[in-house]
Amino acid sequence: MQNEPVGAPSSGREGQPSGMLKDLILRWFLETQIVLLLQDGRLPDWFHGFLSREAETLLENEEFGCFLIRLNEKAFGYILSYR
């Protein structure tokens, strides 16, 4: 993955407290990724930040081809959910 902070834990690092890792991921996003996503100062509707996997139910009543992207809470990166 591009732009991962130097010294950041890899996605497989064990023993990393989940709250601390989530804070690192948020900092990575704010420092390196948000400027790539902003459109007229706003995040796109398809981006949902930290959202639990169960939130994919948001797509249940949507048309085929709809999607959302959320931040991965366990590794630096994104998760794509689609219908």
N, C-alpha and C. Protein backbone atom coordinates (compact mmCIF):
# COMPACT_ATOMS: atom_id res chain seq x y z
N MET A 1 0.83 -1.17 0.00
CA MET A 1 0.00 0.00 0.00
C MET A 1 0.88 1.23 0.00
N GLN A 2 0.46 2.24 -0.70
CA GLN A 2 1.27 3.45 -0.79
C GLN A 2 1.03 4.36 0.40
N ASN A 3 2.01 5.15 0.69
CA ASN A 3 1.94 6.19 1.71
C ASN A 3 1.75 5.67 3.12
N GLU A 4 2.11 4.43 3.38
CA GLU A 4 2.04 3.93 4.75
C GLU A 4 3.11 4.62 5.57
N PRO A 5 2.77 5.09 6.77
CA PRO A 5 3.75 5.82 7.57
C PRO A 5 4.98 4.97 7.88
N VAL A 6 6.12 5.60 7.89
CA VAL A 6 7.36 4.91 8.24
C VAL A 6 7.25 4.40 9.66
N GLY A 7 7.60 3.15 9.88
CA GLY A 7 7.54 2.58 11.22
C GLY A 7 6.16 2.15 11.64
N ALA A 8 5.19 2.24 10.74
CA ALA A 8 3.83 1.84 11.10
C ALA A 8 3.75 0.32 11.16
N PRO A 9 2.87 -0.21 11.99
CA PRO A 9 2.75 -1.66 12.09
C PRO A 9 2.19 -2.23 10.80
N SER A 10 2.63 -3.41 10.44
CA SER A 10 2.08 -4.07 9.27
C SER A 10 0.71 -4.61 9.63
N SER A 11 -0.04 -5.01 8.61
CA SER A 11 -1.39 -5.49 8.86
C SER A 11 -1.40 -6.74 9.72
N GLY A 12 -0.30 -7.50 9.76
CA GLY A 12 -0.27 -8.72 10.53
C GLY A 12 0.36 -8.58 11.90
N ARG A 13 0.68 -7.40 12.32
CA ARG A 13 1.37 -7.22 13.60
C ARG A 13 0.47 -7.61 14.76
N GLU A 14 0.98 -8.46 15.62
CA GLU A 14 0.20 -8.91 16.76
C GLU A 14 0.59 -8.12 18.00
N GLY A 15 -0.30 -8.08 18.98
CA GLY A 15 -0.02 -7.41 20.22
C GLY A 15 -0.26 -5.91 20.17
N GLN A 16 -0.71 -5.41 19.04
CA GLN A 16 -1.00 -3.99 18.89
C GLN A 16 -2.41 -3.74 19.43
N PRO A 17 -2.56 -2.93 20.48
CA PRO A 17 -3.90 -2.65 20.98
C PRO A 17 -4.77 -2.05 19.89
N SER A 18 -6.00 -2.54 19.76
CA SER A 18 -6.85 -2.12 18.65
C SER A 18 -7.13 -0.63 18.66
N GLY A 19 -7.31 -0.02 19.84
CA GLY A 19 -7.54 1.42 19.89
C GLY A 19 -6.35 2.20 19.40
N MET A 20 -5.16 1.75 19.76
CA MET A 20 -3.94 2.44 19.34
C MET A 20 -3.74 2.31 17.83
N LEU A 21 -4.00 1.13 17.30
CA LEU A 21 -3.88 0.91 15.86
C LEU A 21 -4.89 1.77 15.11
N LYS A 22 -6.11 1.83 15.61
CA LYS A 22 -7.14 2.66 14.97
C LYS A 22 -6.71 4.13 14.95
N ASP A 23 -6.10 4.59 16.04
CA ASP A 23 -5.59 5.97 16.08
C ASP A 23 -4.49 6.19 15.04
N LEU A 24 -3.60 5.20 14.89
CA LEU A 24 -2.53 5.30 13.88
C LEU A 24 -3.11 5.33 12.47
N ILE A 25 -4.12 4.51 12.24
CA ILE A 25 -4.76 4.47 10.92
C ILE A 25 -5.44 5.79 10.62
N LEU A 26 -6.12 6.35 11.62
CA LEU A 26 -6.78 7.64 11.42
C LEU A 26 -5.75 8.72 11.12
N ARG A 27 -4.65 8.72 11.85
CA ARG A 27 -3.60 9.71 11.60
C ARG A 27 -3.03 9.54 10.20
N TRP A 28 -2.77 8.30 9.78
CA TRP A 28 -2.30 8.01 8.42
C TRP A 28 -3.27 8.58 7.39
N PHE A 29 -4.55 8.33 7.61
CA PHE A 29 -5.57 8.81 6.67
C PHE A 29 -5.58 10.34 6.60
N LEU A 30 -5.59 10.99 7.75
CA LEU A 30 -5.65 12.46 7.78
C LEU A 30 -4.39 13.11 7.23
N GLU A 31 -3.24 12.48 7.43
CA GLU A 31 -1.98 13.07 6.98
C GLU A 31 -1.64 12.78 5.53
N THR A 32 -2.13 11.67 4.99
CA THR A 32 -1.68 11.28 3.65
C THR A 32 -2.78 10.99 2.64
N GLN A 33 -3.98 10.71 3.08
CA GLN A 33 -5.00 10.25 2.15
C GLN A 33 -6.15 11.23 1.92
N ILE A 34 -6.52 11.97 2.94
CA ILE A 34 -7.73 12.79 2.83
C ILE A 34 -7.65 13.79 1.69
N VAL A 35 -6.48 14.35 1.45
CA VAL A 35 -6.35 15.33 0.36
C VAL A 35 -6.61 14.68 -1.00
N LEU A 36 -6.40 13.38 -1.10
CA LEU A 36 -6.64 12.67 -2.35
C LEU A 36 -8.13 12.43 -2.59
N LEU A 37 -8.93 12.44 -1.52
CA LEU A 37 -10.35 12.15 -1.62
C LEU A 37 -11.24 13.38 -1.64
N LEU A 38 -10.78 14.47 -1.07
CA LEU A 38 -11.62 15.66 -0.95
C LEU A 38 -12.06 16.17 -2.32
N GLN A 39 -13.34 16.49 -2.42
CA GLN A 39 -13.91 17.06 -3.63
C GLN A 39 -14.65 18.33 -3.21
N ASP A 40 -14.12 19.47 -3.56
CA ASP A 40 -14.69 20.76 -3.14
C ASP A 40 -14.79 20.84 -1.62
N GLY A 41 -13.77 20.32 -0.93
CA GLY A 41 -13.73 20.39 0.52
C GLY A 41 -14.57 19.36 1.24
N ARG A 42 -15.17 18.44 0.51
CA ARG A 42 -16.02 17.41 1.11
C ARG A 42 -15.56 16.03 0.70
N LEU A 43 -15.83 15.07 1.57
CA LEU A 43 -15.56 13.68 1.21
C LEU A 43 -16.70 13.16 0.34
N PRO A 44 -16.41 12.27 -0.60
CA PRO A 44 -17.47 11.74 -1.46
C PRO A 44 -18.49 10.93 -0.66
N ASP A 45 -19.71 10.85 -1.18
CA ASP A 45 -20.79 10.13 -0.50
C ASP A 45 -20.47 8.66 -0.30
N TRP A 46 -19.66 8.07 -1.17
CA TRP A 46 -19.37 6.65 -1.07
C TRP A 46 -18.33 6.32 0.00
N PHE A 47 -17.68 7.34 0.55
CA PHE A 47 -16.67 7.10 1.58
C PHE A 47 -17.31 7.22 2.96
N HIS A 48 -17.10 6.20 3.79
CA HIS A 48 -17.77 6.14 5.09
C HIS A 48 -16.83 6.11 6.28
N GLY A 49 -15.54 6.31 6.09
CA GLY A 49 -14.61 6.33 7.22
C GLY A 49 -14.61 5.00 7.95
N PHE A 50 -14.51 5.06 9.28
CA PHE A 50 -14.60 3.83 10.07
C PHE A 50 -16.06 3.43 10.15
N LEU A 51 -16.35 2.25 9.68
CA LEU A 51 -17.71 1.73 9.66
C LEU A 51 -17.60 0.23 9.86
N SER A 52 -18.39 -0.32 10.76
CA SER A 52 -18.29 -1.75 11.03
C SER A 52 -18.75 -2.55 9.81
N ARG A 53 -18.33 -3.79 9.78
CA ARG A 53 -18.70 -4.67 8.67
C ARG A 53 -20.21 -4.82 8.56
N GLU A 54 -20.90 -4.80 9.68
CA GLU A 54 -22.35 -4.94 9.68
C GLU A 54 -23.01 -3.78 8.93
N ALA A 55 -22.30 -2.67 8.83
CA ALA A 55 -22.86 -1.51 8.14
C ALA A 55 -23.05 -1.77 6.65
N GLU A 56 -22.52 -2.87 6.16
CA GLU A 56 -22.73 -3.23 4.76
C GLU A 56 -24.21 -3.45 4.48
N THR A 57 -25.01 -3.57 5.54
CA THR A 57 -26.45 -3.68 5.35
C THR A 57 -27.01 -2.42 4.70
N LEU A 58 -26.23 -1.33 4.73
CA LEU A 58 -26.65 -0.10 4.03
C LEU A 58 -26.87 -0.36 2.54
N LEU A 59 -26.23 -1.39 2.03
CA LEU A 59 -26.32 -1.68 0.60
C LEU A 59 -27.46 -2.63 0.25
N GLU A 60 -28.09 -3.23 1.24
CA GLU A 60 -29.09 -4.28 0.97
C GLU A 60 -30.21 -3.82 0.06
N ASN A 61 -30.70 -2.62 0.23
CA ASN A 61 -31.84 -2.14 -0.56
C ASN A 61 -31.42 -1.26 -1.73
N GLU A 62 -30.14 -1.26 -2.04
CA GLU A 62 -29.63 -0.45 -3.14
C GLU A 62 -29.58 -1.27 -4.43
N GLU A 63 -29.46 -0.57 -5.54
CA GLU A 63 -29.37 -1.24 -6.84
C GLU A 63 -28.03 -1.94 -6.98
N PHE A 64 -27.99 -2.95 -7.84
CA PHE A 64 -26.73 -3.61 -8.14
C PHE A 64 -25.77 -2.60 -8.74
N GLY A 65 -24.52 -2.67 -8.33
CA GLY A 65 -23.51 -1.73 -8.80
C GLY A 65 -23.20 -0.65 -7.77
N CYS A 66 -24.02 -0.55 -6.72
CA CYS A 66 -23.75 0.43 -5.66
C CYS A 66 -22.60 -0.07 -4.79
N PHE A 67 -21.87 0.86 -4.20
CA PHE A 67 -20.73 0.48 -3.39
C PHE A 67 -20.49 1.51 -2.30
N LEU A 68 -19.69 1.11 -1.33
CA LEU A 68 -19.18 2.04 -0.32
C LEU A 68 -17.76 1.63 0.00
N ILE A 69 -17.00 2.60 0.44
CA ILE A 69 -15.62 2.35 0.84
C ILE A 69 -15.46 2.82 2.27
N ARG A 70 -14.81 2.00 3.08
CA ARG A 70 -14.60 2.35 4.48
C ARG A 70 -13.14 2.11 4.83
N LEU A 71 -12.72 2.74 5.92
CA LEU A 71 -11.35 2.52 6.40
C LEU A 71 -11.27 1.15 7.07
N ASN A 72 -10.19 0.46 6.84
CA ASN A 72 -9.92 -0.80 7.51
C ASN A 72 -9.45 -0.47 8.93
N GLU A 73 -10.03 -1.12 9.93
CA GLU A 73 -9.66 -0.86 11.32
C GLU A 73 -8.49 -1.71 11.79
N LYS A 74 -8.08 -2.69 10.98
CA LYS A 74 -7.04 -3.63 11.41
C LYS A 74 -5.75 -3.52 10.60
N ALA A 75 -5.77 -2.69 9.56
CA ALA A 75 -4.58 -2.51 8.71
C ALA A 75 -4.71 -1.18 7.99
N PHE A 76 -3.60 -0.64 7.54
CA PHE A 76 -3.63 0.60 6.79
C PHE A 76 -4.23 0.32 5.42
N GLY A 77 -5.35 0.94 5.12
CA GLY A 77 -5.97 0.74 3.82
C GLY A 77 -7.48 0.87 3.89
N TYR A 78 -8.11 0.39 2.83
CA TYR A 78 -9.54 0.55 2.65
C TYR A 78 -10.20 -0.80 2.42
N ILE A 79 -11.52 -0.80 2.61
CA ILE A 79 -12.33 -1.98 2.31
C ILE A 79 -13.45 -1.54 1.39
N LEU A 80 -13.61 -2.25 0.29
CA LEU A 80 -14.67 -1.98 -0.67
C LEU A 80 -15.80 -2.96 -0.43
N SER A 81 -17.01 -2.45 -0.28
CA SER A 81 -18.21 -3.28 -0.19
C SER A 81 -19.10 -2.90 -1.36
N TYR A 82 -19.67 -3.89 -2.02
CA TYR A 82 -20.49 -3.59 -3.19
C TYR A 82 -21.66 -4.55 -3.28
N ARG A 83 -22.64 -4.15 -4.06
CA ARG A 83 -23.82 -4.98 -4.31
C ARG A 83 -23.91 -5.19 -5.81
